[in-house]
């Protein structure tokens, strides 16, 4: 879901009940299924209340709009960029501070490196190298420092929740960090 001017709205993907990485055929099949079940002409015969007709009509219009955007590759690309930008803006508003790898303390837990940073509440923001590896980032320990080893992954960030309070920190990962 995305937040837009204090109102929660469904994404077009949620309207069509598909994943954001769905291909054209998956989107088309979901659209056809939704349209067949909520088309106003079909509902006029089965529905008895006018408020139900209005809700179903609004739902039908949402499905139509979602299909219009997601079925066209250029409009879908633009929509996806705007969706990512909106989500990044929301995350930025929720993050207490930005961290780099140099800010993090490192403990070697044997199987994995544990990165942590103390929150103002006294607890810690933390992530381990196994979690980062799932995201495409491999950590290497070099003396007292750490570096990122990655082949295909671009620079990015990871949101780290505090272990106790509601604060979050963003760990900025640059592919040239060391």
N, C-alpha and C. Protein backbone atom coordinates (compact mmCIF):
# COMPACT_ATOMS: atom_id res chain seq x y z
N UNK A 1 0.84 -1.18 0.00
CA UNK A 1 0.00 0.00 0.00
C UNK A 1 0.88 1.24 0.00
N UNK A 2 0.38 2.29 -0.59
CA UNK A 2 1.11 3.54 -0.55
C UNK A 2 0.29 4.59 0.18
N UNK A 3 0.99 5.50 0.80
CA UNK A 3 0.33 6.55 1.53
C UNK A 3 0.32 7.79 0.66
N UNK A 4 -0.82 8.39 0.47
CA UNK A 4 -0.94 9.56 -0.37
C UNK A 4 -1.76 10.60 0.34
N UNK A 5 -1.11 11.66 0.81
CA UNK A 5 -1.80 12.75 1.50
C UNK A 5 -2.70 12.25 2.63
N UNK A 6 -2.12 11.45 3.50
CA UNK A 6 -2.79 10.91 4.69
C UNK A 6 -3.91 9.92 4.40
N UNK A 7 -4.04 9.46 3.19
CA UNK A 7 -5.06 8.45 2.88
C UNK A 7 -4.36 7.21 2.34
N UNK A 8 -4.75 6.06 2.83
CA UNK A 8 -4.15 4.82 2.35
C UNK A 8 -4.88 4.39 1.08
N UNK A 9 -4.09 4.11 0.05
CA UNK A 9 -4.66 3.69 -1.22
C UNK A 9 -4.05 2.35 -1.62
N UNK A 10 -4.84 1.56 -2.30
CA UNK A 10 -4.33 0.31 -2.86
C UNK A 10 -3.47 0.63 -4.06
N UNK A 11 -2.43 -0.17 -4.26
CA UNK A 11 -1.67 -0.04 -5.50
C UNK A 11 -2.46 -0.74 -6.60
N UNK A 12 -2.12 -0.44 -7.84
CA UNK A 12 -2.79 -1.12 -8.96
C UNK A 12 -2.54 -2.63 -8.91
N UNK A 13 -1.39 -3.02 -8.39
CA UNK A 13 -1.09 -4.44 -8.26
C UNK A 13 -2.03 -5.10 -7.25
N UNK A 14 -2.29 -4.40 -6.16
CA UNK A 14 -3.21 -4.94 -5.15
C UNK A 14 -4.64 -5.01 -5.69
N UNK A 15 -5.02 -4.02 -6.48
CA UNK A 15 -6.37 -4.01 -7.07
C UNK A 15 -6.55 -5.26 -7.93
N UNK A 16 -5.53 -5.60 -8.71
CA UNK A 16 -5.62 -6.77 -9.59
C UNK A 16 -5.16 -8.06 -8.91
N UNK A 17 -4.71 -7.94 -7.66
CA UNK A 17 -4.29 -9.10 -6.89
C UNK A 17 -3.15 -9.87 -7.57
N UNK A 18 -2.14 -9.12 -8.00
CA UNK A 18 -0.95 -9.73 -8.60
C UNK A 18 0.29 -9.17 -7.91
N UNK A 19 1.40 -9.90 -8.02
CA UNK A 19 2.67 -9.43 -7.48
C UNK A 19 3.22 -8.33 -8.38
N UNK A 20 4.08 -7.51 -7.82
CA UNK A 20 4.64 -6.40 -8.59
C UNK A 20 5.56 -6.85 -9.72
N UNK A 21 6.06 -8.06 -9.66
CA UNK A 21 6.91 -8.55 -10.74
C UNK A 21 6.13 -9.46 -11.71
N UNK A 22 4.80 -9.41 -11.64
CA UNK A 22 3.96 -10.24 -12.51
C UNK A 22 4.18 -9.86 -13.98
N UNK A 23 4.13 -10.86 -14.84
CA UNK A 23 4.28 -10.57 -16.26
C UNK A 23 2.93 -10.17 -16.86
N UNK A 24 2.95 -9.79 -18.12
CA UNK A 24 1.75 -9.30 -18.79
C UNK A 24 0.61 -10.33 -18.75
N UNK A 25 0.92 -11.59 -18.99
CA UNK A 25 -0.11 -12.63 -19.02
C UNK A 25 -0.77 -12.82 -17.65
N UNK A 26 0.01 -12.75 -16.59
CA UNK A 26 -0.55 -12.87 -15.24
C UNK A 26 -1.47 -11.69 -14.93
N UNK A 27 -1.04 -10.51 -15.31
CA UNK A 27 -1.86 -9.31 -15.09
C UNK A 27 -3.14 -9.41 -15.90
N UNK A 28 -3.03 -9.83 -17.15
CA UNK A 28 -4.19 -9.96 -18.03
C UNK A 28 -5.20 -10.97 -17.48
N UNK A 29 -4.71 -12.12 -17.02
CA UNK A 29 -5.59 -13.16 -16.48
C UNK A 29 -6.32 -12.66 -15.22
N UNK A 30 -5.60 -11.97 -14.36
CA UNK A 30 -6.22 -11.44 -13.15
C UNK A 30 -7.25 -10.37 -13.48
N UNK A 31 -6.93 -9.52 -14.44
CA UNK A 31 -7.86 -8.48 -14.88
C UNK A 31 -9.14 -9.11 -15.43
N UNK A 32 -8.99 -10.09 -16.30
CA UNK A 32 -10.17 -10.74 -16.90
C UNK A 32 -11.04 -11.40 -15.84
N UNK A 33 -10.40 -12.04 -14.88
CA UNK A 33 -11.14 -12.69 -13.80
C UNK A 33 -11.92 -11.66 -12.98
N UNK A 34 -11.25 -10.55 -12.65
CA UNK A 34 -11.90 -9.51 -11.85
C UNK A 34 -13.06 -8.88 -12.62
N UNK A 35 -12.85 -8.60 -13.89
CA UNK A 35 -13.89 -7.97 -14.70
C UNK A 35 -15.11 -8.88 -14.82
N UNK A 36 -14.86 -10.16 -15.02
CA UNK A 36 -15.98 -11.10 -15.14
C UNK A 36 -16.80 -11.20 -13.85
N UNK A 37 -16.14 -11.04 -12.73
CA UNK A 37 -16.88 -11.18 -11.46
C UNK A 37 -17.56 -9.89 -11.00
N UNK A 38 -17.09 -8.72 -11.45
CA UNK A 38 -17.68 -7.47 -10.94
C UNK A 38 -18.21 -6.56 -12.04
N UNK A 39 -18.36 -7.05 -13.24
CA UNK A 39 -18.85 -6.19 -14.33
C UNK A 39 -20.25 -5.66 -13.99
N UNK A 40 -20.49 -4.36 -14.17
CA UNK A 40 -21.79 -3.76 -13.81
C UNK A 40 -22.99 -4.42 -14.50
N UNK A 41 -22.85 -4.83 -15.74
CA UNK A 41 -23.97 -5.48 -16.44
C UNK A 41 -24.34 -6.79 -15.78
N UNK A 42 -23.35 -7.55 -15.35
CA UNK A 42 -23.60 -8.82 -14.68
C UNK A 42 -24.22 -8.59 -13.29
N UNK A 43 -23.75 -7.56 -12.60
CA UNK A 43 -24.22 -7.29 -11.24
C UNK A 43 -25.63 -6.72 -11.20
N UNK A 44 -26.07 -6.05 -12.25
CA UNK A 44 -27.44 -5.51 -12.28
C UNK A 44 -28.47 -6.61 -12.14
N UNK A 45 -28.16 -7.77 -12.65
CA UNK A 45 -29.09 -8.89 -12.61
C UNK A 45 -29.11 -9.57 -11.24
N UNK A 46 -27.96 -9.53 -10.53
CA UNK A 46 -27.88 -10.30 -9.29
C UNK A 46 -27.97 -9.45 -8.03
N UNK A 47 -27.63 -8.18 -8.11
CA UNK A 47 -27.58 -7.34 -6.91
C UNK A 47 -28.93 -6.67 -6.66
N UNK A 48 -29.26 -6.50 -5.40
CA UNK A 48 -30.56 -5.92 -5.07
C UNK A 48 -30.44 -4.50 -4.50
N UNK A 49 -29.33 -4.16 -3.84
CA UNK A 49 -29.23 -2.86 -3.20
C UNK A 49 -28.43 -1.88 -4.04
N UNK A 50 -28.83 -0.63 -4.01
CA UNK A 50 -28.14 0.37 -4.81
C UNK A 50 -26.76 0.71 -4.23
N UNK A 51 -26.60 0.65 -2.91
CA UNK A 51 -25.28 0.93 -2.32
C UNK A 51 -24.28 -0.15 -2.73
N UNK A 52 -24.75 -1.38 -2.82
CA UNK A 52 -23.88 -2.47 -3.28
C UNK A 52 -23.49 -2.23 -4.74
N UNK A 53 -24.44 -1.77 -5.55
CA UNK A 53 -24.13 -1.48 -6.96
C UNK A 53 -23.07 -0.37 -7.06
N UNK A 54 -23.19 0.64 -6.20
CA UNK A 54 -22.24 1.74 -6.23
C UNK A 54 -20.84 1.27 -5.85
N UNK A 55 -20.73 0.46 -4.81
CA UNK A 55 -19.44 -0.07 -4.37
C UNK A 55 -18.83 -0.95 -5.45
N UNK A 56 -19.65 -1.83 -6.05
CA UNK A 56 -19.16 -2.68 -7.12
C UNK A 56 -18.77 -1.87 -8.34
N UNK A 57 -19.49 -0.81 -8.62
CA UNK A 57 -19.15 0.06 -9.75
C UNK A 57 -17.82 0.76 -9.52
N UNK A 58 -17.59 1.21 -8.30
CA UNK A 58 -16.31 1.84 -7.97
C UNK A 58 -15.18 0.83 -8.07
N UNK A 59 -15.43 -0.37 -7.63
CA UNK A 59 -14.42 -1.43 -7.72
C UNK A 59 -14.10 -1.73 -9.18
N UNK A 60 -15.13 -1.78 -10.02
CA UNK A 60 -14.96 -2.03 -11.44
C UNK A 60 -14.08 -0.94 -12.06
N UNK A 61 -14.33 0.32 -11.69
CA UNK A 61 -13.53 1.42 -12.23
C UNK A 61 -12.07 1.34 -11.78
N UNK A 62 -11.84 0.89 -10.54
CA UNK A 62 -10.47 0.71 -10.05
C UNK A 62 -9.75 -0.38 -10.85
N UNK A 63 -10.47 -1.47 -11.12
CA UNK A 63 -9.89 -2.56 -11.90
C UNK A 63 -9.56 -2.09 -13.31
N UNK A 64 -10.47 -1.32 -13.90
CA UNK A 64 -10.24 -0.79 -15.25
C UNK A 64 -9.01 0.11 -15.28
N UNK A 65 -8.89 1.00 -14.29
CA UNK A 65 -7.76 1.92 -14.22
C UNK A 65 -6.45 1.16 -14.03
N UNK A 66 -6.46 0.16 -13.15
CA UNK A 66 -5.27 -0.65 -12.91
C UNK A 66 -4.84 -1.35 -14.20
N UNK A 67 -5.79 -1.90 -14.93
CA UNK A 67 -5.49 -2.57 -16.19
C UNK A 67 -4.92 -1.58 -17.21
N UNK A 68 -5.52 -0.42 -17.27
CA UNK A 68 -5.07 0.61 -18.21
C UNK A 68 -3.59 0.96 -17.97
N UNK A 69 -3.20 1.09 -16.72
CA UNK A 69 -1.83 1.45 -16.37
C UNK A 69 -0.88 0.26 -16.54
N UNK A 70 -1.24 -0.89 -16.01
CA UNK A 70 -0.32 -2.03 -15.98
C UNK A 70 -0.22 -2.80 -17.29
N UNK A 71 -1.18 -2.64 -18.18
CA UNK A 71 -1.13 -3.37 -19.44
C UNK A 71 -0.21 -2.70 -20.47
N UNK A 72 0.08 -1.43 -20.29
CA UNK A 72 0.96 -0.70 -21.20
C UNK A 72 2.35 -0.61 -20.57
N UNK A 73 3.37 -1.08 -21.27
CA UNK A 73 4.71 -1.17 -20.68
C UNK A 73 5.27 0.21 -20.28
N UNK A 74 5.03 1.23 -21.07
CA UNK A 74 5.58 2.55 -20.71
C UNK A 74 4.85 3.16 -19.52
N UNK A 75 3.52 3.04 -19.47
CA UNK A 75 2.80 3.60 -18.32
C UNK A 75 3.09 2.78 -17.06
N UNK A 76 3.29 1.47 -17.21
CA UNK A 76 3.64 0.63 -16.06
C UNK A 76 5.02 1.02 -15.53
N UNK A 77 5.97 1.25 -16.42
CA UNK A 77 7.30 1.65 -16.02
C UNK A 77 7.26 2.97 -15.24
N UNK A 78 6.51 3.94 -15.75
CA UNK A 78 6.37 5.22 -15.06
C UNK A 78 5.70 5.03 -13.70
N UNK A 79 4.65 4.21 -13.66
CA UNK A 79 3.93 3.94 -12.41
C UNK A 79 4.87 3.28 -11.39
N UNK A 80 5.65 2.30 -11.83
CA UNK A 80 6.58 1.62 -10.93
C UNK A 80 7.62 2.59 -10.35
N UNK A 81 8.12 3.50 -11.17
CA UNK A 81 9.09 4.49 -10.68
C UNK A 81 8.44 5.40 -9.64
N UNK A 82 7.22 5.83 -9.89
CA UNK A 82 6.52 6.68 -8.93
C UNK A 82 6.21 5.93 -7.64
N UNK A 83 5.86 4.66 -7.76
CA UNK A 83 5.58 3.83 -6.59
C UNK A 83 6.84 3.68 -5.73
N UNK A 84 7.98 3.41 -6.37
CA UNK A 84 9.24 3.31 -5.64
C UNK A 84 9.61 4.63 -4.97
N UNK A 85 9.43 5.74 -5.68
CA UNK A 85 9.76 7.06 -5.14
C UNK A 85 8.88 7.36 -3.92
N UNK A 86 7.60 7.05 -4.03
CA UNK A 86 6.68 7.29 -2.91
C UNK A 86 7.07 6.45 -1.71
N UNK A 87 7.42 5.21 -1.94
CA UNK A 87 7.83 4.33 -0.84
C UNK A 87 9.13 4.82 -0.21
N UNK A 88 10.07 5.27 -1.01
CA UNK A 88 11.33 5.80 -0.47
C UNK A 88 11.07 7.05 0.36
N UNK A 89 10.17 7.91 -0.11
CA UNK A 89 9.82 9.11 0.65
C UNK A 89 9.21 8.73 2.00
N UNK A 90 8.37 7.70 2.00
CA UNK A 90 7.76 7.26 3.26
C UNK A 90 8.80 6.70 4.20
N UNK A 91 9.72 5.90 3.66
CA UNK A 91 10.77 5.33 4.50
C UNK A 91 11.67 6.42 5.06
N UNK A 92 11.98 7.40 4.24
CA UNK A 92 12.84 8.49 4.69
C UNK A 92 12.19 9.23 5.85
N UNK A 93 10.88 9.37 5.81
CA UNK A 93 10.17 10.06 6.88
C UNK A 93 10.18 9.25 8.18
N UNK A 94 10.30 7.93 8.08
CA UNK A 94 10.25 7.06 9.25
C UNK A 94 11.62 6.78 9.86
N UNK A 95 12.70 7.10 9.15
CA UNK A 95 14.04 6.73 9.58
C UNK A 95 14.61 7.78 10.53
N UNK A 96 15.13 7.32 11.67
CA UNK A 96 15.71 8.22 12.66
C UNK A 96 17.07 8.73 12.21
N UNK A 97 17.87 7.86 11.57
CA UNK A 97 19.17 8.29 11.10
C UNK A 97 19.70 7.38 10.01
N UNK A 98 20.63 7.95 9.22
CA UNK A 98 21.30 7.19 8.16
C UNK A 98 22.66 6.75 8.67
N UNK A 99 23.02 5.51 8.36
CA UNK A 99 24.29 4.94 8.82
C UNK A 99 25.07 4.42 7.63
N UNK A 100 26.39 4.38 7.77
CA UNK A 100 27.24 3.75 6.77
C UNK A 100 27.87 2.53 7.42
N UNK A 101 28.56 1.72 6.64
CA UNK A 101 29.23 0.56 7.22
C UNK A 101 30.26 0.97 8.26
N UNK A 102 30.90 2.13 8.05
CA UNK A 102 31.91 2.60 8.99
C UNK A 102 31.30 2.92 10.36
N UNK A 103 30.03 3.29 10.39
CA UNK A 103 29.36 3.61 11.66
C UNK A 103 29.04 2.36 12.49
N UNK A 104 28.96 1.23 11.82
CA UNK A 104 28.52 0.00 12.48
C UNK A 104 29.67 -0.65 13.25
N UNK A 105 29.35 -1.23 14.41
CA UNK A 105 30.30 -2.05 15.15
C UNK A 105 30.14 -3.47 14.61
N UNK A 106 31.23 -4.22 14.64
CA UNK A 106 31.23 -5.56 14.05
C UNK A 106 31.62 -6.58 15.10
N UNK A 107 30.86 -7.66 15.16
CA UNK A 107 31.21 -8.81 15.99
C UNK A 107 31.23 -10.03 15.11
N UNK A 108 32.23 -10.86 15.30
CA UNK A 108 32.32 -12.10 14.53
C UNK A 108 31.65 -13.20 15.33
N UNK A 109 30.50 -13.65 14.84
CA UNK A 109 29.75 -14.69 15.53
C UNK A 109 30.12 -16.08 15.05
N UNK A 110 31.23 -16.23 14.36
CA UNK A 110 31.63 -17.53 13.84
C UNK A 110 31.04 -17.77 12.47
N UNK A 111 29.75 -18.05 12.43
CA UNK A 111 29.07 -18.33 11.18
C UNK A 111 28.77 -17.05 10.39
N UNK A 112 28.57 -15.96 11.09
CA UNK A 112 28.21 -14.70 10.43
C UNK A 112 28.80 -13.51 11.17
N UNK A 113 28.98 -12.43 10.43
CA UNK A 113 29.37 -11.17 11.04
C UNK A 113 28.12 -10.44 11.46
N UNK A 114 28.11 -9.93 12.68
CA UNK A 114 26.96 -9.18 13.20
C UNK A 114 27.33 -7.70 13.18
N UNK A 115 26.52 -6.89 12.49
CA UNK A 115 26.71 -5.45 12.47
C UNK A 115 25.67 -4.83 13.39
N UNK A 116 26.09 -3.91 14.24
CA UNK A 116 25.12 -3.27 15.12
C UNK A 116 25.52 -1.83 15.40
N UNK A 117 24.51 -1.05 15.79
CA UNK A 117 24.69 0.36 16.10
C UNK A 117 23.73 0.70 17.22
N UNK A 118 24.20 1.41 18.22
CA UNK A 118 23.36 1.68 19.39
C UNK A 118 22.32 2.76 19.09
N UNK A 119 21.09 2.44 19.44
CA UNK A 119 19.96 3.36 19.31
C UNK A 119 19.97 4.31 20.51
N UNK A 120 19.30 5.43 20.38
CA UNK A 120 19.25 6.38 21.50
C UNK A 120 18.50 5.83 22.71
N UNK A 121 17.69 4.77 22.50
CA UNK A 121 16.97 4.17 23.64
C UNK A 121 17.87 3.23 24.44
N UNK A 122 19.06 2.91 23.89
CA UNK A 122 19.98 2.02 24.59
C UNK A 122 20.09 0.65 23.95
N UNK A 123 19.09 0.24 23.19
CA UNK A 123 19.15 -1.05 22.49
C UNK A 123 19.92 -0.84 21.18
N UNK A 124 19.80 -1.78 20.24
CA UNK A 124 20.62 -1.72 19.03
C UNK A 124 19.81 -1.93 17.76
N UNK A 125 20.29 -1.29 16.69
CA UNK A 125 19.89 -1.62 15.32
C UNK A 125 20.90 -2.68 14.90
N UNK A 126 20.45 -3.75 14.27
CA UNK A 126 21.43 -4.77 13.89
C UNK A 126 21.00 -5.53 12.64
N UNK A 127 22.00 -6.10 12.00
CA UNK A 127 21.80 -6.96 10.84
C UNK A 127 23.03 -7.87 10.78
N UNK A 128 22.85 -9.09 10.29
CA UNK A 128 24.02 -9.95 10.17
C UNK A 128 24.33 -10.20 8.70
N UNK A 129 25.52 -10.73 8.46
CA UNK A 129 25.99 -10.93 7.09
C UNK A 129 25.14 -11.96 6.33
N UNK A 130 24.49 -12.87 7.04
CA UNK A 130 23.62 -13.84 6.36
C UNK A 130 22.38 -13.16 5.79
N UNK A 131 21.81 -12.22 6.57
CA UNK A 131 20.66 -11.46 6.07
C UNK A 131 21.05 -10.61 4.87
N UNK A 132 22.21 -9.96 4.97
CA UNK A 132 22.69 -9.13 3.86
C UNK A 132 22.97 -9.97 2.61
N UNK A 133 23.46 -11.18 2.82
CA UNK A 133 23.75 -12.07 1.68
C UNK A 133 22.47 -12.41 0.91
N UNK A 134 21.35 -12.59 1.65
CA UNK A 134 20.07 -12.86 1.00
C UNK A 134 19.66 -11.70 0.10
N UNK A 135 20.12 -10.48 0.44
CA UNK A 135 19.80 -9.29 -0.34
C UNK A 135 20.81 -9.04 -1.45
N UNK A 136 21.83 -9.90 -1.55
CA UNK A 136 22.82 -9.77 -2.62
C UNK A 136 24.11 -9.10 -2.21
N UNK A 137 24.30 -8.85 -0.92
CA UNK A 137 25.51 -8.19 -0.44
C UNK A 137 26.33 -9.17 0.41
N UNK A 138 27.59 -9.36 0.07
CA UNK A 138 28.48 -10.21 0.85
C UNK A 138 29.46 -9.33 1.60
N UNK A 139 29.60 -9.56 2.90
CA UNK A 139 30.53 -8.80 3.73
C UNK A 139 31.83 -9.56 3.87
N UNK A 140 32.93 -8.81 3.82
CA UNK A 140 34.25 -9.38 4.06
C UNK A 140 34.90 -8.60 5.19
N UNK A 141 35.53 -9.31 6.09
CA UNK A 141 36.25 -8.64 7.17
C UNK A 141 37.69 -8.47 6.72
N UNK A 142 38.17 -7.24 6.83
CA UNK A 142 39.56 -6.92 6.45
C UNK A 142 40.20 -6.21 7.62
N UNK A 143 40.89 -6.96 8.46
CA UNK A 143 41.50 -6.37 9.66
C UNK A 143 40.42 -5.89 10.60
N UNK A 144 40.43 -4.59 10.89
CA UNK A 144 39.42 -4.04 11.79
C UNK A 144 38.22 -3.49 11.05
N UNK A 145 38.26 -3.49 9.72
CA UNK A 145 37.15 -2.96 8.93
C UNK A 145 36.41 -4.04 8.17
N UNK A 146 35.35 -3.63 7.52
CA UNK A 146 34.58 -4.55 6.68
C UNK A 146 34.39 -3.91 5.32
N UNK A 147 34.15 -4.74 4.34
CA UNK A 147 33.86 -4.22 3.01
C UNK A 147 32.77 -5.06 2.37
N UNK A 148 32.19 -4.51 1.34
CA UNK A 148 31.12 -5.18 0.60
C UNK A 148 31.72 -5.84 -0.63
N UNK A 149 31.37 -7.07 -0.84
CA UNK A 149 31.75 -7.76 -2.06
C UNK A 149 30.46 -8.11 -2.76
N UNK A 150 30.27 -7.56 -3.94
CA UNK A 150 29.08 -7.90 -4.69
C UNK A 150 29.39 -7.85 -6.17
N UNK A 151 28.75 -8.72 -6.89
CA UNK A 151 28.99 -8.80 -8.31
C UNK A 151 27.90 -8.07 -9.08
N UNK A 152 26.66 -8.39 -8.80
CA UNK A 152 25.55 -7.86 -9.58
C UNK A 152 24.70 -6.83 -8.85
N UNK A 153 24.86 -6.68 -7.55
CA UNK A 153 23.99 -5.82 -6.77
C UNK A 153 24.50 -4.39 -6.79
N UNK A 154 23.59 -3.46 -6.96
CA UNK A 154 23.92 -2.04 -6.95
C UNK A 154 23.93 -1.51 -5.52
N UNK A 155 24.41 -0.28 -5.37
CA UNK A 155 24.35 0.36 -4.07
C UNK A 155 22.88 0.43 -3.64
N UNK A 156 22.65 0.40 -2.34
CA UNK A 156 21.28 0.43 -1.85
C UNK A 156 21.24 0.76 -0.38
N UNK A 157 20.15 0.42 0.25
CA UNK A 157 20.01 0.66 1.68
C UNK A 157 19.15 -0.42 2.29
N UNK A 158 19.34 -0.59 3.59
CA UNK A 158 18.58 -1.57 4.36
C UNK A 158 18.02 -0.84 5.58
N UNK A 159 16.73 -1.00 5.83
CA UNK A 159 16.10 -0.40 7.00
C UNK A 159 16.26 -1.36 8.17
N UNK A 160 16.82 -0.84 9.26
CA UNK A 160 17.07 -1.65 10.46
C UNK A 160 16.19 -1.15 11.60
N UNK A 161 15.28 -1.99 12.10
CA UNK A 161 14.48 -1.57 13.25
C UNK A 161 15.28 -1.73 14.53
N UNK A 162 14.99 -0.91 15.51
CA UNK A 162 15.59 -1.04 16.83
C UNK A 162 15.00 -2.28 17.50
N UNK A 163 15.79 -2.92 18.34
CA UNK A 163 15.32 -4.11 19.04
C UNK A 163 14.26 -3.82 20.08
N UNK A 164 14.14 -2.57 20.55
CA UNK A 164 13.19 -2.25 21.62
C UNK A 164 12.17 -1.19 21.26
N UNK A 165 12.61 -0.10 20.65
CA UNK A 165 11.67 1.00 20.40
C UNK A 165 11.21 1.01 18.94
N UNK A 166 10.48 2.01 18.55
CA UNK A 166 9.92 2.05 17.20
C UNK A 166 10.82 2.76 16.20
N UNK A 167 12.01 3.21 16.62
CA UNK A 167 12.91 3.91 15.70
C UNK A 167 13.52 2.94 14.70
N UNK A 168 13.87 3.51 13.54
CA UNK A 168 14.52 2.74 12.48
C UNK A 168 15.72 3.52 11.99
N UNK A 169 16.72 2.81 11.53
CA UNK A 169 17.90 3.43 10.93
C UNK A 169 18.04 2.85 9.53
N UNK A 170 18.60 3.66 8.64
CA UNK A 170 18.83 3.20 7.27
C UNK A 170 20.33 2.99 7.12
N UNK A 171 20.73 1.75 6.82
CA UNK A 171 22.12 1.43 6.54
C UNK A 171 22.33 1.63 5.05
N UNK A 172 23.11 2.64 4.71
CA UNK A 172 23.41 2.95 3.31
C UNK A 172 24.56 2.07 2.86
N UNK A 173 24.34 1.32 1.80
CA UNK A 173 25.35 0.39 1.32
C UNK A 173 25.84 0.89 -0.03
N UNK A 174 27.10 1.26 -0.04
CA UNK A 174 27.73 1.71 -1.27
C UNK A 174 28.66 0.59 -1.72
N UNK A 175 28.65 0.30 -3.00
CA UNK A 175 29.46 -0.82 -3.51
C UNK A 175 30.94 -0.52 -3.43
N UNK A 176 31.34 0.73 -3.19
CA UNK A 176 32.77 1.04 -3.06
C UNK A 176 33.16 1.28 -1.61
N UNK A 177 32.27 0.91 -0.63
CA UNK A 177 32.62 1.02 0.79
C UNK A 177 33.74 0.06 1.13
N UNK A 178 34.53 0.43 2.10
CA UNK A 178 35.54 -0.50 2.59
C UNK A 178 35.80 -0.25 4.05
